[in-house]
Amino acid sequence: MPKSNFSFFNQVFKTDNQQITLPVLQEKKIALFIKREDLIHPFVSGNKFRKLKYNVLEAKRQNKKALLTFGGAFSNHIAATAFAGKAAGLQTIGVIRGEELGINLESTLSQNTTLQEAANNQMEFYFVDRESYRNKTDDRFIKKLQQKFGDFYLVPEGGTNELAVKGCKEILTEEDNSFDCICAAIGTGGTIAGLINSANTHQRVIGFPALKGDFLQKEIKQFVANKNNWSLNTNYHFGGYAKYNVELISFINQFYRETKIPLDPIYTGKMLFGILDLIKNNYFTAGTKILAIHTGGIQGVDGFNMRLAKKNQELITIS
């Protein structure tokens, strides 16, 4: 059983808003700030801490001994859950998509900083083939996991459930009421659901999905009741989850050079690309004050750079 540092989850993190100064913002008379949720923690940063906070507290309340969750080989959620479990004195089990990754675990860990960090935080891995992984919410599959690992507290892939949404409601504070528009990248919908529920009546929440498809509307609506203060912009997913092009990578590096704020190519990079593109094209009226939520995910850049290096493409600079 990992040694507990449970006080980490009883903290109330209030993150700073950093103003961005770029020529296009001055030209269009738009104020853009980024809420630096990425600075909460190197591995449990941004929405990962927010989503896991109340789930960890509930697991402890139920006297569970372990957390079990799901993710791909470079999942920020897997790395975050491993650290969170160790900090809370809970064992962690990661059901990882890709049976082939478990054939030579030592080799896999040497080439994958995400899984390596999870292993350093004592996560136990269970590698499954992709067909089995698609059944991760099926009752029969869950029962098999219970037979194999015993009693555990289940955290969904990506971490989104009602307790995750509750945690994400805490991202915005009273000081953020001056903003007209709140923007967030979307994976499973939990983060934006929390933002929608906590946004002031005069504020509009815009989500930038990292995945291709329209299924997120339904996912989000189950957590936000009848609120209509939000919309999704599906024009900036760059082809789907983890898809990219050279323009996106160049944008991320240029943004870092100009602001010293690191972005990732799966979520925040696409969101900021979208926001600035909309500003250039006069989507926002002059005088609009925008708050973009930095949801972390920077730990996954190392793995992405390995992918870029194999193609002899420009690497992402984050330091």
Protein backbone atom coordinates (compact mmCIF):
# COMPACT_ATOMS: atom_id res chain seq x y z
CA MET A 1 0.00 0.00 0.00
CA PRO A 2 1.49 3.39 -0.97
CA LYS A 3 2.30 5.84 1.80
CA SER A 4 -0.46 8.45 2.04
CA ASN A 5 -0.12 12.21 1.55
CA PHE A 6 -3.86 12.68 1.72
CA SER A 7 -3.78 16.42 2.48
CA PHE A 8 -3.10 17.04 -1.24
CA PHE A 9 -6.76 16.34 -1.98
CA ASN A 10 -8.11 18.55 0.78
CA GLN A 11 -6.51 21.65 -0.71
CA VAL A 12 -8.41 24.37 -2.52
CA PHE A 13 -6.31 25.40 -5.50
CA LYS A 14 -6.88 28.89 -6.84
CA THR A 15 -4.91 29.40 -10.04
CA ASP A 16 -3.72 32.64 -11.63
CA ASN A 17 -5.00 34.19 -14.84
CA GLN A 18 -2.16 35.22 -17.14
CA GLN A 19 -2.90 37.89 -19.73
CA ILE A 20 -1.69 37.25 -23.26
CA THR A 21 -0.27 40.10 -25.32
CA LEU A 22 -0.20 39.44 -29.06
CA PRO A 23 -0.54 41.90 -31.97
CA VAL A 24 -3.82 40.35 -33.15
CA LEU A 25 -5.39 40.92 -29.73
CA GLN A 26 -4.46 44.57 -29.77
CA GLU A 27 -5.64 44.93 -33.37
CA LYS A 28 -9.04 43.31 -32.67
CA LYS A 29 -9.37 44.91 -29.21
CA ILE A 30 -9.79 41.55 -27.47
CA ALA A 31 -8.51 40.73 -23.97
CA LEU A 32 -7.30 37.13 -23.65
CA PHE A 33 -6.26 35.51 -20.39
CA ILE A 34 -5.20 31.93 -19.65
CA LYS A 35 -6.06 30.31 -16.34
CA ARG A 36 -2.89 28.43 -15.41
CA GLU A 37 -4.41 25.22 -14.11
CA ASP A 38 -1.37 23.46 -15.57
CA LEU A 39 0.71 24.78 -12.67
CA ILE A 40 -1.21 22.88 -9.97
CA HIS A 41 1.12 19.89 -10.26
CA PRO A 42 3.43 18.37 -12.94
CA PHE A 43 1.34 15.18 -13.23
CA VAL A 44 -1.98 15.85 -11.49
CA SER A 45 -2.38 19.19 -13.19
CA GLY A 46 -5.33 21.11 -14.52
CA ASN A 47 -8.52 19.18 -14.99
CA LYS A 48 -6.87 15.92 -13.87
CA PHE A 49 -6.64 17.15 -10.28
CA ARG A 50 -10.14 18.63 -10.48
CA LYS A 51 -11.63 15.38 -11.81
CA LEU A 52 -9.82 13.09 -9.40
CA LYS A 53 -10.23 15.15 -6.21
CA TYR A 54 -13.74 14.09 -5.19
CA ASN A 55 -13.36 10.62 -6.66
CA VAL A 56 -10.36 10.01 -4.41
CA LEU A 57 -12.25 11.39 -1.41
CA GLU A 58 -15.19 9.09 -2.23
CA ALA A 59 -12.90 6.07 -2.62
CA LYS A 60 -11.48 6.76 0.83
CA ARG A 61 -14.98 7.26 2.27
CA GLN A 62 -15.97 3.85 0.91
CA ASN A 63 -12.79 2.34 2.41
CA LYS A 64 -11.61 1.16 -0.98
CA LYS A 65 -8.02 -0.01 -1.22
CA ALA A 66 -7.50 0.58 -4.93
CA LEU A 67 -8.43 2.80 -7.87
CA LEU A 68 -8.91 1.20 -11.30
CA THR A 69 -9.14 3.20 -14.48
CA PHE A 70 -8.59 3.02 -18.24
CA GLY A 71 -6.43 4.77 -20.80
CA GLY A 72 -4.18 4.64 -23.82
CA ALA A 73 -0.42 4.34 -23.73
CA PHE A 74 0.12 8.11 -23.53
CA SER A 75 -2.90 8.98 -21.40
CA ASN A 76 -2.49 11.98 -19.09
CA HIS A 77 -5.29 10.48 -17.02
CA ILE A 78 -3.29 7.27 -16.40
CA ALA A 79 -0.25 9.19 -15.15
CA ALA A 80 -2.42 11.44 -12.99
CA THR A 81 -4.37 8.56 -11.44
CA ALA A 82 -1.14 6.76 -10.56
CA PHE A 83 0.19 9.79 -8.70
CA ALA A 84 -3.17 10.53 -7.10
CA GLY A 85 -3.52 6.99 -5.81
CA LYS A 86 -0.05 6.99 -4.33
CA ALA A 87 -0.66 10.38 -2.69
CA ALA A 88 -3.90 9.09 -1.18
CA GLY A 89 -2.47 5.77 -0.03
CA LEU A 90 -4.44 3.79 -2.63
CA GLN A 91 -3.21 1.09 -4.96
CA THR A 92 -3.80 1.87 -8.63
CA ILE A 93 -4.59 -0.36 -11.58
CA GLY A 94 -4.39 0.90 -15.16
CA VAL A 95 -6.25 -1.02 -17.85
CA ILE A 96 -4.21 -0.03 -20.91
CA ARG A 97 -5.34 -0.24 -24.52
CA GLY A 98 -2.84 -2.32 -26.53
CA GLU A 99 -2.11 -5.90 -25.57
CA GLU A 100 1.21 -5.79 -27.43
CA LEU A 101 2.58 -3.19 -24.99
CA GLY A 102 2.69 -5.76 -22.21
CA ILE A 103 4.78 -8.33 -24.10
CA ASN A 104 8.04 -6.63 -23.15
CA LEU A 105 7.12 -4.20 -20.39
CA GLU A 106 10.69 -3.11 -19.75
CA SER A 107 11.09 -2.07 -23.39
CA THR A 108 7.68 -0.34 -23.37
CA LEU A 109 8.53 1.69 -20.28
CA SER A 110 11.89 2.71 -21.73
CA GLN A 111 10.09 4.27 -24.69
CA ASN A 112 7.05 5.69 -22.92
CA THR A 113 7.50 8.39 -20.29
CA THR A 114 3.79 8.35 -19.39
CA LEU A 115 3.67 4.68 -18.43
CA GLN A 116 7.12 4.96 -16.89
CA GLU A 117 5.90 7.70 -14.55
CA ALA A 118 2.80 5.67 -13.71
CA ALA A 119 5.02 2.68 -12.92
CA ASN A 120 7.23 4.89 -10.74
CA ASN A 121 4.07 5.68 -8.76
CA GLN A 122 3.41 1.95 -8.30
CA MET A 123 0.54 1.53 -10.77
CA GLU A 124 -0.17 -2.05 -11.81
CA PHE A 125 -0.83 -2.42 -15.53
CA TYR A 126 -3.30 -4.70 -17.27
CA PHE A 127 -2.83 -4.58 -21.04
CA VAL A 128 -5.83 -5.60 -23.15
CA ASP A 129 -6.44 -5.88 -26.88
CA ARG A 130 -8.36 -3.10 -28.58
CA GLU A 131 -11.52 -5.14 -29.06
CA SER A 132 -11.71 -5.93 -25.34
CA TYR A 133 -10.95 -2.32 -24.50
CA ARG A 134 -14.02 -1.17 -26.41
CA ASN A 135 -16.07 -3.15 -23.88
CA LYS A 136 -14.64 -1.25 -20.92
CA THR A 137 -18.07 -0.06 -19.73
CA ASP A 138 -19.73 -3.45 -20.18
CA ASP A 139 -20.89 -5.07 -16.92
CA ARG A 140 -19.40 -8.42 -17.87
CA PHE A 141 -16.01 -6.87 -18.52
CA ILE A 142 -16.10 -5.02 -15.20
CA LYS A 143 -17.00 -8.24 -13.38
CA LYS A 144 -13.99 -9.96 -14.93
CA LEU A 145 -11.81 -7.13 -13.67
CA GLN A 146 -13.30 -7.51 -10.18
CA GLN A 147 -12.58 -11.24 -10.27
CA LYS A 148 -8.98 -10.53 -11.25
CA PHE A 149 -8.20 -7.55 -9.00
CA GLY A 150 -10.75 -7.77 -6.19
CA ASP A 151 -12.71 -4.83 -4.84
CA PHE A 152 -11.75 -1.45 -6.34
CA TYR A 153 -13.11 2.04 -6.92
CA LEU A 154 -13.70 2.51 -10.64
CA VAL A 155 -12.78 5.81 -12.31
CA PRO A 156 -14.01 6.06 -15.94
CA GLU A 157 -11.64 6.61 -18.86
CA GLY A 158 -10.77 10.30 -18.87
CA GLY A 159 -12.12 10.59 -15.32
CA THR A 160 -15.53 12.05 -16.16
CA ASN A 161 -18.45 11.33 -13.84
CA GLU A 162 -20.63 13.43 -11.52
CA LEU A 163 -17.85 13.79 -8.94
CA ALA A 164 -15.43 14.92 -11.65
CA VAL A 165 -17.90 17.58 -12.78
CA LYS A 166 -18.23 18.70 -9.15
CA GLY A 167 -14.46 19.15 -8.99
CA CYS A 168 -14.35 21.07 -12.27
CA LYS A 169 -16.95 23.51 -10.95
CA GLU A 170 -14.18 24.77 -8.66
CA ILE A 171 -12.01 25.97 -11.57
CA LEU A 172 -13.85 29.29 -11.82
CA THR A 173 -13.87 31.73 -8.90
CA GLU A 174 -15.71 34.96 -8.18
CA GLU A 175 -12.78 36.88 -9.62
CA ASP A 176 -13.53 35.32 -13.00
CA ASN A 177 -16.98 36.92 -13.21
CA SER A 178 -15.55 39.81 -15.23
CA PHE A 179 -14.97 37.56 -18.27
CA ASP A 180 -17.48 37.45 -21.11
CA CYS A 181 -16.42 34.11 -22.52
CA ILE A 182 -14.90 30.97 -21.01
CA CYS A 183 -13.09 28.57 -23.38
CA ALA A 184 -11.98 25.01 -22.75
CA ALA A 185 -10.63 22.05 -24.68
CA ILE A 186 -12.85 18.96 -24.52
CA GLY A 187 -12.04 15.28 -24.25
CA THR A 188 -14.80 13.47 -22.36
CA GLY A 189 -16.86 16.55 -21.49
CA GLY A 190 -16.43 16.62 -17.71
CA THR A 191 -14.38 19.79 -17.56
CA ILE A 192 -16.68 21.90 -19.68
CA ALA A 193 -19.72 20.54 -17.81
CA GLY A 194 -18.23 21.86 -14.57
CA LEU A 195 -17.50 25.21 -16.19
CA ILE A 196 -21.03 25.45 -17.60
CA ASN A 197 -22.50 24.75 -14.17
CA SER A 198 -20.36 27.37 -12.44
CA ALA A 199 -20.36 30.12 -15.10
CA ASN A 200 -22.17 33.35 -14.36
CA THR A 201 -25.43 34.08 -16.18
CA HIS A 202 -23.81 36.68 -18.45
CA GLN A 203 -20.98 34.36 -19.51
CA ARG A 204 -20.79 32.12 -22.58
CA VAL A 205 -18.82 28.85 -22.43
CA ILE A 206 -17.25 27.58 -25.66
CA GLY A 207 -15.81 24.08 -25.94
CA PHE A 208 -13.19 22.98 -28.46
CA PRO A 209 -13.44 19.19 -28.91
CA ALA A 210 -10.21 17.29 -29.49
CA LEU A 211 -12.20 14.38 -30.94
CA LYS A 212 -14.07 14.09 -34.19
CA GLY A 213 -17.84 13.52 -34.05
CA ASP A 214 -20.99 14.97 -32.49
CA PHE A 215 -21.43 12.57 -29.55
CA LEU A 216 -20.12 15.09 -27.00
CA GLN A 217 -23.35 17.11 -27.01
CA LYS A 218 -25.17 14.17 -25.42
CA GLU A 219 -22.32 13.45 -22.98
CA ILE A 220 -22.28 17.03 -21.72
CA LYS A 221 -26.06 17.45 -21.48
CA GLN A 222 -26.36 14.66 -18.93
CA PHE A 223 -24.33 16.78 -16.48
CA VAL A 224 -25.66 20.31 -17.14
CA ALA A 225 -29.45 19.93 -16.92
CA ASN A 226 -31.22 22.60 -18.99
CA LYS A 227 -28.47 25.20 -19.20
CA ASN A 228 -28.05 26.81 -22.61
CA ASN A 229 -25.06 29.06 -21.91
CA TRP A 230 -22.66 26.95 -23.97
CA SER A 231 -21.71 25.79 -27.44
CA LEU A 232 -19.13 23.57 -29.13
CA ASN A 233 -16.86 24.60 -31.97
CA THR A 234 -15.91 21.46 -33.88
CA ASN A 235 -13.68 23.12 -36.50
CA TYR A 236 -10.35 22.67 -34.73
CA HIS A 237 -9.89 18.96 -33.98
CA PHE A 238 -7.33 18.65 -36.82
CA GLY A 239 -8.79 15.34 -37.93
CA GLY A 240 -9.55 13.76 -34.56
CA TYR A 241 -7.96 12.66 -31.31
CA ALA A 242 -4.14 13.01 -31.35
CA LYS A 243 -4.27 14.05 -35.02
CA TYR A 244 -2.15 17.03 -36.05
CA ASN A 245 -0.43 18.79 -38.89
CA VAL A 246 2.74 20.86 -39.19
CA GLU A 247 0.73 24.07 -38.85
CA LEU A 248 -0.46 23.06 -35.38
CA ILE A 249 3.04 22.13 -34.18
CA SER A 250 4.46 25.39 -35.54
CA PHE A 251 1.68 27.32 -33.81
CA ILE A 252 2.39 25.66 -30.44
CA ASN A 253 6.09 26.51 -30.70
CA GLN A 254 5.41 30.09 -31.82
CA PHE A 255 2.93 30.55 -28.97
CA TYR A 256 5.53 29.34 -26.47
CA ARG A 257 8.16 31.70 -27.88
CA GLU A 258 5.78 34.65 -27.55
CA THR A 259 4.17 33.84 -24.19
CA LYS A 260 6.37 31.23 -22.44
CA ILE A 261 3.22 29.16 -21.91
CA PRO A 262 3.60 25.50 -22.98
CA LEU A 263 0.73 23.86 -24.83
CA ASP A 264 0.06 20.24 -25.74
CA PRO A 265 -0.90 19.10 -29.26
CA ILE A 266 -3.96 17.08 -28.22
CA TYR A 267 -6.02 19.57 -26.22
CA THR A 268 -4.75 23.05 -25.32
CA GLY A 269 -2.81 23.61 -28.53
CA LYS A 270 -5.92 23.03 -30.62
CA MET A 271 -8.04 25.20 -28.34
CA LEU A 272 -5.68 28.19 -28.49
CA PHE A 273 -5.26 27.78 -32.23
CA GLY A 274 -9.05 27.91 -32.52
CA ILE A 275 -9.50 30.90 -30.23
CA LEU A 276 -6.90 33.00 -32.06
CA ASP A 277 -8.24 31.96 -35.45
CA LEU A 278 -11.74 33.04 -34.41
CA ILE A 279 -10.35 36.34 -33.16
CA LYS A 280 -8.57 36.93 -36.49
CA ASN A 281 -11.83 36.30 -38.31
CA ASN A 282 -13.86 38.73 -36.14
CA TYR A 283 -15.94 36.06 -34.39
CA PHE A 284 -15.70 38.03 -31.13
CA THR A 285 -16.84 41.64 -30.92
CA ALA A 286 -14.33 44.30 -29.91
CA GLY A 287 -14.03 44.63 -26.15
CA THR A 288 -14.69 40.94 -25.44
CA LYS A 289 -12.80 39.54 -22.47
CA ILE A 290 -11.91 35.84 -22.87
CA LEU A 291 -10.65 33.34 -20.30
CA ALA A 292 -9.10 30.16 -21.71
CA ILE A 293 -8.61 27.25 -19.28
CA HIS A 294 -5.21 25.57 -19.46
CA THR A 295 -6.09 21.98 -18.58
CA GLY A 296 -2.50 20.72 -18.32
CA GLY A 297 -1.44 17.64 -20.26
CA ILE A 298 2.11 18.84 -20.75
CA GLN A 299 3.59 15.56 -19.48
CA GLY A 300 2.36 13.91 -22.69
CA VAL A 301 4.51 16.10 -24.93
CA ASP A 302 7.58 13.87 -24.51
CA GLY A 303 5.71 10.93 -25.99
CA PHE A 304 4.34 13.06 -28.80
CA ASN A 305 7.83 14.31 -29.61
CA MET A 306 8.99 10.72 -30.02
CA ARG A 307 6.28 10.33 -32.64
CA LEU A 308 7.39 13.52 -34.40
CA ALA A 309 11.06 12.51 -34.28
CA LYS A 310 10.33 9.25 -36.08
CA LYS A 311 8.90 11.30 -38.95
CA ASN A 312 11.78 13.82 -38.85
CA GLN A 313 9.30 16.59 -38.10
CA GLU A 314 9.59 19.71 -35.96
CA LEU A 315 9.52 18.88 -32.25
CA ILE A 316 7.39 20.68 -29.66
CA THR A 317 9.29 23.08 -27.41
CA ILE A 318 7.99 23.42 -23.86
CA SER A 319 11.04 24.63 -21.96
